Amino acid sequence: METLLESTDRDLRIVLVGTQHPGNIGSAARAMKTMGLSRLVLVAPEKAPDRDTQAMAAGADDLVAAAPVFASLAEAVADCRWVLGCTARSRRIQLEPLHPRDAARRALAATASGPVALVFGRERTGLENDELQLCHAAIHIPSDPAFSSLNLAAAVQVLSYELRCAMLGDLPALQDSAQRTAPPAAGAASHAELEGLFGQLAEALEQIDFHKGRAPDSAMRKLRRLYLRANLDSADVRLLRGVLADTQRMARLAGQGESP
């Protein structure tokens, strides 16, 4: 019979984006396995796993062997209900900042709705802004400002440890915490569904000249945050996309000088 920890682990994934050194993939896998996590996902690594990966994995090479590889972060998290980006510095993408402990508890609660991803970026540059934009919130590890850069595997170890503590903690208390912090509800829309909505919304706003010549980035960031806070389900997304489709149809007819 599957245990609670095994069930939770199945819906928690660690996603490494653009990893530059194969050895760090192995070190991250080892960090995960020591904390009972097994779902490793790779996105466009600069080099494929090699002997250095196996050496640094030190017994966790089964996680590396089982790790799927995707060409983009969007593909890797398409079925996720909640996506958290681990980042060391403030960026233009305004995301809710989470302490690792709070992030772990909220991530654990969110697995009740479906898969949850914790995303880590490149060793030198971290996650790009367009990758952070795919995330619901940002995790900041409170390291020393005078020397704030963590090794990739060290960052994975910190978050894996906090997830382990959350999984072994007081589950009723976590459920109470989940109610206070409003994680995604059961049936929440998938990441791919939300990205489809945002793409259609951007197109519709262009068609009706909503931006009036202004750069669309600021408005779209605010609209994304608004919809993400709403915890839309699949039916909500279908309804909104239907409204947008009619808006686009009327905009096309108006552009052609025809009556709706």
C-alpha atoms as a PDB file:
ATOM      1  CA  MET A   1       0.000   0.000   0.000  1.00  0.00           C
ATOM      2  CA  GLU A   2       1.310   3.457  -0.904  1.00  0.00           C
ATOM      3  CA  THR A   3       2.257   5.583   2.109  1.00  0.00           C
ATOM      4  CA  LEU A   4       1.388   9.270   2.541  1.00  0.00           C
ATOM      5  CA  LEU A   5       5.030  10.231   1.969  1.00  0.00           C
ATOM      6  CA  GLU A   6       5.180   8.206  -1.249  1.00  0.00           C
ATOM      7  CA  SER A   7       1.944   9.756  -2.493  1.00  0.00           C
ATOM      8  CA  THR A   8       3.178  13.265  -1.722  1.00  0.00           C
ATOM      9  CA  ASP A   9       6.568  12.650  -3.334  1.00  0.00           C
ATOM     10  CA  ARG A  10       4.827  11.586  -6.536  1.00  0.00           C
ATOM     11  CA  ASP A  11       3.299  15.060  -6.902  1.00  0.00           C
ATOM     12  CA  LEU A  12       6.413  17.060  -5.928  1.00  0.00           C
ATOM     13  CA  ARG A  13       9.014  17.603  -8.630  1.00  0.00           C
ATOM     14  CA  ILE A  14      12.367  19.352  -8.618  1.00  0.00           C
ATOM     15  CA  VAL A  15      13.006  21.028 -11.981  1.00  0.00           C
ATOM     16  CA  LEU A  16      16.549  22.022 -13.013  1.00  0.00           C
ATOM     17  CA  VAL A  17      16.662  24.554 -15.860  1.00  0.00           C
ATOM     18  CA  GLY A  18      19.670  24.944 -18.143  1.00  0.00           C
ATOM     19  CA  THR A  19      22.118  23.173 -15.822  1.00  0.00           C
ATOM     20  CA  GLN A  20      25.642  23.973 -16.989  1.00  0.00           C
ATOM     21  CA  HIS A  21      27.727  21.360 -15.136  1.00  0.00           C
ATOM     22  CA  PRO A  22      26.638  17.684 -15.326  1.00  0.00           C
ATOM     23  CA  GLY A  23      28.075  17.050 -11.864  1.00  0.00           C
ATOM     24  CA  ASN A  24      25.536  19.428 -10.360  1.00  0.00           C
ATOM     25  CA  ILE A  25      22.716  17.277 -11.700  1.00  0.00           C
ATOM     26  CA  GLY A  26      24.113  14.340  -9.743  1.00  0.00           C
ATOM     27  CA  SER A  27      24.622  16.448  -6.598  1.00  0.00           C
ATOM     28  CA  ALA A  28      21.048  17.729  -6.797  1.00  0.00           C
ATOM     29  CA  ALA A  29      19.752  14.173  -7.211  1.00  0.00           C
ATOM     30  CA  ARG A  30      21.681  13.108  -4.117  1.00  0.00           C
ATOM     31  CA  ALA A  31      20.288  16.058  -2.143  1.00  0.00           C
ATOM     32  CA  MET A  32      16.777  15.031  -3.143  1.00  0.00           C
ATOM     33  CA  LYS A  33      17.167  11.344  -2.388  1.00  0.00           C
ATOM     34  CA  THR A  34      18.486  11.969   1.126  1.00  0.00           C
ATOM     35  CA  MET A  35      15.198  13.775   1.836  1.00  0.00           C
ATOM     36  CA  GLY A  36      12.943  11.136   0.278  1.00  0.00           C
ATOM     37  CA  LEU A  37      12.244  12.965  -2.990  1.00  0.00           C
ATOM     38  CA  SER A  38      12.487  11.160  -6.325  1.00  0.00           C
ATOM     39  CA  ARG A  39      10.888  13.288  -9.070  1.00  0.00           C
ATOM     40  CA  LEU A  40      13.756  15.044 -10.879  1.00  0.00           C
ATOM     41  CA  VAL A  41      13.067  16.899 -14.149  1.00  0.00           C
ATOM     42  CA  LEU A  42      15.658  18.443 -16.475  1.00  0.00           C
ATOM     43  CA  VAL A  43      15.045  21.365 -18.832  1.00  0.00           C
ATOM     44  CA  ALA A  44      17.532  21.957 -21.660  1.00  0.00           C
ATOM     45  CA  PRO A  45      20.741  21.040 -19.769  1.00  0.00           C
ATOM     46  CA  GLU A  46      23.854  22.397 -21.505  1.00  0.00           C
ATOM     47  CA  LYS A  47      25.460  18.954 -21.282  1.00  0.00           C
ATOM     48  CA  ALA A  48      23.869  15.554 -20.915  1.00  0.00           C
ATOM     49  CA  PRO A  49      24.449  13.597 -17.682  1.00  0.00           C
ATOM     50  CA  ASP A  50      27.834  11.851 -17.778  1.00  0.00           C
ATOM     51  CA  ARG A  51      30.355  10.135 -15.499  1.00  0.00           C
ATOM     52  CA  ASP A  52      30.657  13.246 -13.341  1.00  0.00           C
ATOM     53  CA  THR A  53      26.897  13.110 -12.824  1.00  0.00           C
ATOM     54  CA  GLN A  54      27.049   9.512 -11.663  1.00  0.00           C
ATOM     55  CA  ALA A  55      30.007  10.194  -9.393  1.00  0.00           C
ATOM     56  CA  MET A  56      28.314  13.156  -7.688  1.00  0.00           C
ATOM     57  CA  ALA A  57      24.991  11.338  -7.424  1.00  0.00           C
ATOM     58  CA  ALA A  58      26.687   8.813  -5.096  1.00  0.00           C
ATOM     59  CA  GLY A  59      23.890   6.267  -5.241  1.00  0.00           C
ATOM     60  CA  ALA A  60      21.116   8.553  -6.485  1.00  0.00           C
ATOM     61  CA  ASP A  61      21.833   7.877 -10.157  1.00  0.00           C
ATOM     62  CA  ASP A  62      18.439   6.136 -10.438  1.00  0.00           C
ATOM     63  CA  LEU A  63      16.822   9.572 -10.077  1.00  0.00           C
ATOM     64  CA  VAL A  64      18.974  10.895 -12.927  1.00  0.00           C
ATOM     65  CA  ALA A  65      18.215   7.896 -15.143  1.00  0.00           C
ATOM     66  CA  ALA A  66      14.475   8.343 -14.610  1.00  0.00           C
ATOM     67  CA  ALA A  67      14.494  12.130 -15.096  1.00  0.00           C
ATOM     68  CA  PRO A  68      12.598  13.311 -18.191  1.00  0.00           C
ATOM     69  CA  VAL A  69      14.244  16.035 -20.286  1.00  0.00           C
ATOM     70  CA  PHE A  70      12.202  18.898 -21.771  1.00  0.00           C
ATOM     71  CA  ALA A  71      13.136  21.622 -24.223  1.00  0.00           C
ATOM     72  CA  SER A  72      11.416  24.381 -22.232  1.00  0.00           C
ATOM     73  CA  LEU A  73      10.181  25.098 -18.714  1.00  0.00           C
ATOM     74  CA  ALA A  74       6.634  25.588 -19.979  1.00  0.00           C
ATOM     75  CA  GLU A  75       6.602  21.992 -21.244  1.00  0.00           C
ATOM     76  CA  ALA A  76       8.087  20.661 -18.010  1.00  0.00           C
ATOM     77  CA  VAL A  77       5.375  22.211 -15.809  1.00  0.00           C
ATOM     78  CA  ALA A  78       2.418  22.063 -18.210  1.00  0.00           C
ATOM     79  CA  ASP A  79       0.425  19.694 -15.964  1.00  0.00           C
ATOM     80  CA  CYS A  80       1.356  21.403 -12.681  1.00  0.00           C
ATOM     81  CA  ARG A  81      -1.143  23.248 -10.481  1.00  0.00           C
ATOM     82  CA  TRP A  82       1.488  25.311  -8.648  1.00  0.00           C
ATOM     83  CA  VAL A  83       4.981  26.360  -9.747  1.00  0.00           C
ATOM     84  CA  LEU A  84       7.558  27.984  -7.443  1.00  0.00           C
ATOM     85  CA  GLY A  85      10.772  29.543  -8.750  1.00  0.00           C
ATOM     86  CA  CYS A  86      13.867  29.593  -6.552  1.00  0.00           C
ATOM     87  CA  THR A  87      15.708  32.877  -7.141  1.00  0.00           C
ATOM     88  CA  ALA A  88      18.453  34.734  -5.271  1.00  0.00           C
ATOM     89  CA  ARG A  89      17.780  38.287  -6.320  1.00  0.00           C
ATOM     90  CA  SER A  90      14.960  40.730  -6.921  1.00  0.00           C
ATOM     91  CA  ARG A  91      13.824  41.007 -10.527  1.00  0.00           C
ATOM     92  CA  ARG A  92      11.306  42.973 -12.546  1.00  0.00           C
ATOM     93  CA  ILE A  93       8.869  40.074 -12.424  1.00  0.00           C
ATOM     94  CA  GLN A  94       6.869  40.822  -9.292  1.00  0.00           C
ATOM     95  CA  LEU A  95       6.107  37.541  -7.566  1.00  0.00           C
ATOM     96  CA  GLU A  96       5.042  36.849  -4.010  1.00  0.00           C
ATOM     97  CA  PRO A  97       8.286  36.146  -2.071  1.00  0.00           C
ATOM     98  CA  LEU A  98       8.222  33.005   0.066  1.00  0.00           C
ATOM     99  CA  HIS A  99      10.532  31.799   2.817  1.00  0.00           C
ATOM    100  CA  PRO A 100      11.638  28.194   2.134  1.00  0.00           C
ATOM    101  CA  ARG A 101       9.722  26.884   5.157  1.00  0.00           C
ATOM    102  CA  ASP A 102       6.492  28.589   4.162  1.00  0.00           C
ATOM    103  CA  ALA A 103       7.006  27.539   0.538  1.00  0.00           C
ATOM    104  CA  ALA A 104       7.457  23.890   1.558  1.00  0.00           C
ATOM    105  CA  ARG A 105       4.298  23.845   3.645  1.00  0.00           C
ATOM    106  CA  ARG A 106       2.252  25.532   0.969  1.00  0.00           C
ATOM    107  CA  ALA A 107       3.690  23.261  -1.725  1.00  0.00           C
ATOM    108  CA  LEU A 108       2.792  20.201   0.327  1.00  0.00           C
ATOM    109  CA  ALA A 109      -0.770  21.449   0.792  1.00  0.00           C
ATOM    110  CA  ALA A 110      -1.049  22.245  -2.921  1.00  0.00           C
ATOM    111  CA  THR A 111      -0.268  18.633  -3.913  1.00  0.00           C
ATOM    112  CA  ALA A 112      -3.870  17.863  -2.945  1.00  0.00           C
ATOM    113  CA  SER A 113      -4.806  19.546  -6.250  1.00  0.00           C
ATOM    114  CA  GLY A 114      -2.124  17.961  -8.432  1.00  0.00           C
ATOM    115  CA  PRO A 115       1.570  18.183  -9.317  1.00  0.00           C
ATOM    116  CA  VAL A 116       3.698  20.957  -7.812  1.00  0.00           C
ATOM    117  CA  ALA A 117       7.074  22.059  -9.212  1.00  0.00           C
ATOM    118  CA  LEU A 118      10.024  23.738  -7.491  1.00  0.00           C
ATOM    119  CA  VAL A 119      12.183  25.271 -10.204  1.00  0.00           C
ATOM    120  CA  PHE A 120      15.924  26.024 -10.019  1.00  0.00           C
ATOM    121  CA  GLY A 121      17.876  27.994 -12.623  1.00  0.00           C
ATOM    122  CA  ARG A 122      21.355  28.042 -14.093  1.00  0.00           C
ATOM    123  CA  GLU A 123      24.414  28.047 -11.859  1.00  0.00           C
ATOM    124  CA  ARG A 124      25.686  31.450 -13.021  1.00  0.00           C
ATOM    125  CA  THR A 125      22.563  33.375 -13.951  1.00  0.00           C
ATOM    126  CA  GLY A 126      19.613  31.612 -12.333  1.00  0.00           C
ATOM    127  CA  LEU A 127      16.166  31.762 -13.930  1.00  0.00           C
ATOM    128  CA  GLU A 128      15.456  34.207 -16.742  1.00  0.00           C
ATOM    129  CA  ASN A 129      12.618  36.708 -16.332  1.00  0.00           C
ATOM    130  CA  ASP A 130      10.429  34.891 -18.862  1.00  0.00           C
ATOM    131  CA  GLU A 131      10.927  31.675 -16.878  1.00  0.00           C
ATOM    132  CA  LEU A 132      10.080  33.367 -13.579  1.00  0.00           C
ATOM    133  CA  GLN A 133       6.938  34.691 -15.240  1.00  0.00           C
ATOM    134  CA  LEU A 134       5.755  31.088 -15.531  1.00  0.00           C
ATOM    135  CA  CYS A 135       5.888  30.756 -11.719  1.00  0.00           C
ATOM    136  CA  HIS A 136       3.140  31.501  -9.206  1.00  0.00           C
ATOM    137  CA  ALA A 137       5.554  32.682  -6.493  1.00  0.00           C
ATOM    138  CA  ALA A 138       9.295  33.022  -5.795  1.00  0.00           C
ATOM    139  CA  ILE A 139      11.323  31.291  -3.079  1.00  0.00           C
ATOM    140  CA  HIS A 140      14.171  33.290  -1.546  1.00  0.00           C
ATOM    141  CA  ILE A 141      16.667  31.461   0.670  1.00  0.00           C
ATOM    142  CA  PRO A 142      17.722  33.987   3.356  1.00  0.00           C
ATOM    143  CA  SER A 143      21.475  33.661   2.864  1.00  0.00           C
ATOM    144  CA  ASP A 144      24.107  36.178   3.968  1.00  0.00           C
ATOM    145  CA  PRO A 145      23.787  39.274   1.714  1.00  0.00           C
ATOM    146  CA  ALA A 146      27.568  39.579   1.710  1.00  0.00           C
ATOM    147  CA  PHE A 147      27.890  36.119   0.131  1.00  0.00           C
ATOM    148  CA  SER A 148      24.449  35.169  -1.097  1.00  0.00           C
ATOM    149  CA  SER A 149      25.198  32.795  -3.982  1.00  0.00           C
ATOM    150  CA  LEU A 150      24.406  29.152  -3.161  1.00  0.00           C
ATOM    151  CA  ASN A 151      25.629  26.205  -5.153  1.00  0.00           C
ATOM    152  CA  LEU A 152      22.771  24.684  -7.138  1.00  0.00           C
ATOM    153  CA  ALA A 153      22.834  21.430  -5.180  1.00  0.00           C
ATOM    154  CA  ALA A 154      22.961  23.360  -1.887  1.00  0.00           C
ATOM    155  CA  ALA A 155      19.814  25.265  -2.835  1.00  0.00           C
ATOM    156  CA  VAL A 156      18.103  22.007  -3.787  1.00  0.00           C
ATOM    157  CA  GLN A 157      19.195  20.540  -0.437  1.00  0.00           C
ATOM    158  CA  VAL A 158      17.677  23.451   1.520  1.00  0.00           C
ATOM    159  CA  LEU A 159      14.305  23.123  -0.203  1.00  0.00           C
ATOM    160  CA  SER A 160      14.359  19.310  -0.083  1.00  0.00           C
ATOM    161  CA  TYR A 161      15.016  19.476   3.659  1.00  0.00           C
ATOM    162  CA  GLU A 162      12.126  21.864   4.224  1.00  0.00           C
ATOM    163  CA  LEU A 163       9.832  19.644   2.159  1.00  0.00           C
ATOM    164  CA  ARG A 164      10.927  16.643   4.226  1.00  0.00           C
ATOM    165  CA  CYS A 165      10.177  18.497   7.463  1.00  0.00           C
ATOM    166  CA  ALA A 166       6.762  19.509   6.145  1.00  0.00           C
ATOM    167  CA  MET A 167       5.964  15.925   5.112  1.00  0.00           C
ATOM    168  CA  LEU A 168       6.942  14.625   8.548  1.00  0.00           C
ATOM    169  CA  GLY A 169       5.174  17.421  10.413  1.00  0.00           C
ATOM    170  CA  ASP A 170       1.723  17.840  11.922  1.00  0.00           C
ATOM    171  CA  LEU A 171      -0.585  17.254   8.937  1.00  0.00           C
ATOM    172  CA  PRO A 172      -3.739  18.761  10.522  1.00  0.00           C
ATOM    173  CA  ALA A 173      -1.708  21.908  11.259  1.00  0.00           C
ATOM    174  CA  LEU A 174      -0.600  21.977   7.638  1.00  0.00           C
ATOM    175  CA  GLN A 175      -4.208  21.749   6.535  1.00  0.00           C
ATOM    176  CA  ASP A 176      -5.091  24.704   8.760  1.00  0.00           C
ATOM    177  CA  SER A 177      -2.144  26.627   7.299  1.00  0.00           C
ATOM    178  CA  ALA A 178      -3.342  25.744   3.807  1.00  0.00           C
ATOM    179  CA  GLN A 179      -6.705  27.374   4.554  1.00  0.00           C
ATOM    180  CA  ARG A 180      -5.010  30.560   5.714  1.00  0.00           C
ATOM    181  CA  THR A 181      -2.700  30.770   2.713  1.00  0.00           C
ATOM    182  CA  ALA A 182      -5.302  29.661   0.124  1.00  0.00           C
ATOM    183  CA  PRO A 183      -3.429  27.119  -2.008  1.00  0.00           C
ATOM    184  CA  PRO A 184      -5.039  25.921  -5.249  1.00  0.00           C
ATOM    185  CA  ALA A 185      -8.377  24.235  -4.671  1.00  0.00           C
ATOM    186  CA  ALA A 186      -9.259  20.766  -5.910  1.00  0.00           C
ATOM    187  CA  GLY A 187      -9.831  20.892  -9.642  1.00  0.00           C
ATOM    188  CA  ALA A 188      -7.601  23.927 -10.152  1.00  0.00           C
ATOM    189  CA  ALA A 189      -6.702  24.673 -13.765  1.00  0.00           C
ATOM    190  CA  SER A 190      -3.437  23.224 -14.988  1.00  0.00           C
ATOM    191  CA  HIS A 191      -0.458  25.384 -15.817  1.00  0.00           C
ATOM    192  CA  ALA A 192      -0.946  24.690 -19.537  1.00  0.00           C
ATOM    193  CA  GLU A 193      -4.596  25.790 -19.359  1.00  0.00           C
ATOM    194  CA  LEU A 194      -3.641  29.052 -17.642  1.00  0.00           C
ATOM    195  CA  GLU A 195      -0.867  29.755 -20.142  1.00  0.00           C
ATOM    196  CA  GLY A 196      -3.360  29.210 -22.956  1.00  0.00           C
ATOM    197  CA  LEU A 197      -5.696  31.729 -21.327  1.00  0.00           C
ATOM    198  CA  PHE A 198      -2.896  34.282 -20.893  1.00  0.00           C
ATOM    199  CA  GLY A 199      -1.797  33.861 -24.492  1.00  0.00           C
ATOM    200  CA  GLN A 200      -5.328  34.414 -25.797  1.00  0.00           C
ATOM    201  CA  LEU A 201      -5.802  37.366 -23.436  1.00  0.00           C
ATOM    202  CA  ALA A 202      -2.640  39.013 -24.774  1.00  0.00           C
ATOM    203  CA  GLU A 203      -3.856  38.539 -28.345  1.00  0.00           C
ATOM    204  CA  ALA A 204      -7.311  39.942 -27.549  1.00  0.00           C
ATOM    205  CA  LEU A 205      -5.888  43.019 -25.833  1.00  0.00           C
ATOM    206  CA  GLU A 206      -3.758  43.713 -28.910  1.00  0.00           C
ATOM    207  CA  GLN A 207      -6.747  43.278 -31.214  1.00  0.00           C
ATOM    208  CA  ILE A 208      -8.879  45.808 -29.308  1.00  0.00           C
ATOM    209  CA  ASP A 209      -5.896  48.198 -28.955  1.00  0.00           C
ATOM    210  CA  PHE A 210      -6.158  48.077 -25.171  1.00  0.00           C
ATOM    211  CA  HIS A 211      -2.572  49.250 -24.655  1.00  0.00           C
ATOM    212  CA  LYS A 212      -2.937  52.377 -26.847  1.00  0.00           C
ATOM    213  CA  GLY A 213       0.679  52.178 -28.003  1.00  0.00           C
ATOM    214  CA  ARG A 214       2.068  51.488 -24.510  1.00  0.00           C
ATOM    215  CA  ALA A 215       4.246  48.444 -23.816  1.00  0.00           C
ATOM    216  CA  PRO A 216       1.955  45.526 -22.900  1.00  0.00           C
ATOM    217  CA  ASP A 217       4.313  43.899 -20.379  1.00  0.00           C
ATOM    218  CA  SER A 218       3.206  45.828 -17.287  1.00  0.00           C
ATOM    219  CA  ALA A 219      -0.518  45.280 -17.860  1.00  0.00           C
ATOM    220  CA  MET A 220      -0.025  41.588 -18.604  1.00  0.00           C
ATOM    221  CA  ARG A 221       2.044  41.075 -15.425  1.00  0.00           C
ATOM    222  CA  LYS A 222      -0.753  42.620 -13.357  1.00  0.00           C
ATOM    223  CA  LEU A 223      -3.447  40.609 -15.126  1.00  0.00           C
ATOM    224  CA  ARG A 224      -1.471  37.382 -14.666  1.00  0.00           C
ATOM    225  CA  ARG A 225      -1.181  38.049 -10.914  1.00  0.00           C
ATOM    226  CA  LEU A 226      -4.897  38.828 -10.708  1.00  0.00           C
ATOM    227  CA  TYR A 227      -5.933  35.585 -12.398  1.00  0.00           C
ATOM    228  CA  LEU A 228      -3.391  33.479 -10.499  1.00  0.00           C
ATOM    229  CA  ARG A 229      -4.757  34.792  -7.183  1.00  0.00           C
ATOM    230  CA  ALA A 230      -8.248  33.739  -8.287  1.00  0.00           C
ATOM    231  CA  ASN A 231      -7.303  30.016  -8.329  1.00  0.00           C
ATOM    232  CA  LEU A 232      -9.296  29.390 -11.506  1.00  0.00           C
ATOM    233  CA  ASP A 233     -10.544  25.906 -12.299  1.00  0.00           C
ATOM    234  CA  SER A 234     -10.836  24.408 -15.782  1.00  0.00           C
ATOM    235  CA  ALA A 235     -14.456  25.539 -16.181  1.00  0.00           C
ATOM    236  CA  ASP A 236     -13.480  29.106 -15.260  1.00  0.00           C
ATOM    237  CA  VAL A 237     -10.743  29.064 -17.912  1.00  0.00           C
ATOM    238  CA  ARG A 238     -13.139  27.745 -20.568  1.00  0.00           C
ATOM    239  CA  LEU A 239     -15.673  30.478 -19.735  1.00  0.00           C
ATOM    240  CA  LEU A 240     -13.069  33.246 -19.902  1.00  0.00           C
ATOM    241  CA  ARG A 241     -11.640  31.914 -23.149  1.00  0.00           C
ATOM    242  CA  GLY A 242     -15.167  31.856 -24.612  1.00  0.00           C
ATOM    243  CA  VAL A 243     -15.595  35.527 -23.686  1.00  0.00           C
ATOM    244  CA  LEU A 244     -12.229  36.323 -25.256  1.00  0.00           C
ATOM    245  CA  ALA A 245     -13.104  34.399 -28.424  1.00  0.00           C
ATOM    246  CA  ASP A 246     -16.278  36.484 -28.883  1.00  0.00           C
ATOM    247  CA  THR A 247     -14.300  39.656 -28.176  1.00  0.00           C
ATOM    248  CA  GLN A 248     -11.761  38.682 -30.833  1.00  0.00           C
ATOM    249  CA  ARG A 249     -14.500  37.828 -33.330  1.00  0.00           C
ATOM    250  CA  MET A 250     -16.181  41.205 -32.853  1.00  0.00           C
ATOM    251  CA  ALA A 251     -12.833  42.994 -33.141  1.00  0.00           C
ATOM    252  CA  ARG A 252     -12.145  41.228 -36.453  1.00  0.00           C
ATOM    253  CA  LEU A 253     -15.567  42.162 -37.826  1.00  0.00           C
ATOM    254  CA  ALA A 254     -15.149  45.759 -36.725  1.00  0.00           C
ATOM    255  CA  GLY A 255     -11.778  45.876 -38.458  1.00  0.00           C
ATOM    256  CA  GLN A 256     -13.402  44.655 -41.654  1.00  0.00           C
ATOM    257  CA  GLY A 257     -16.144  47.269 -41.395  1.00  0.00           C
ATOM    258  CA  GLU A 258     -18.835  44.619 -40.873  1.00  0.00           C
ATOM    259  CA  SER A 259     -21.612  44.610 -38.306  1.00  0.00           C
ATOM    260  CA  PRO A 260     -21.269  42.094 -35.442  1.00  0.00           C
END
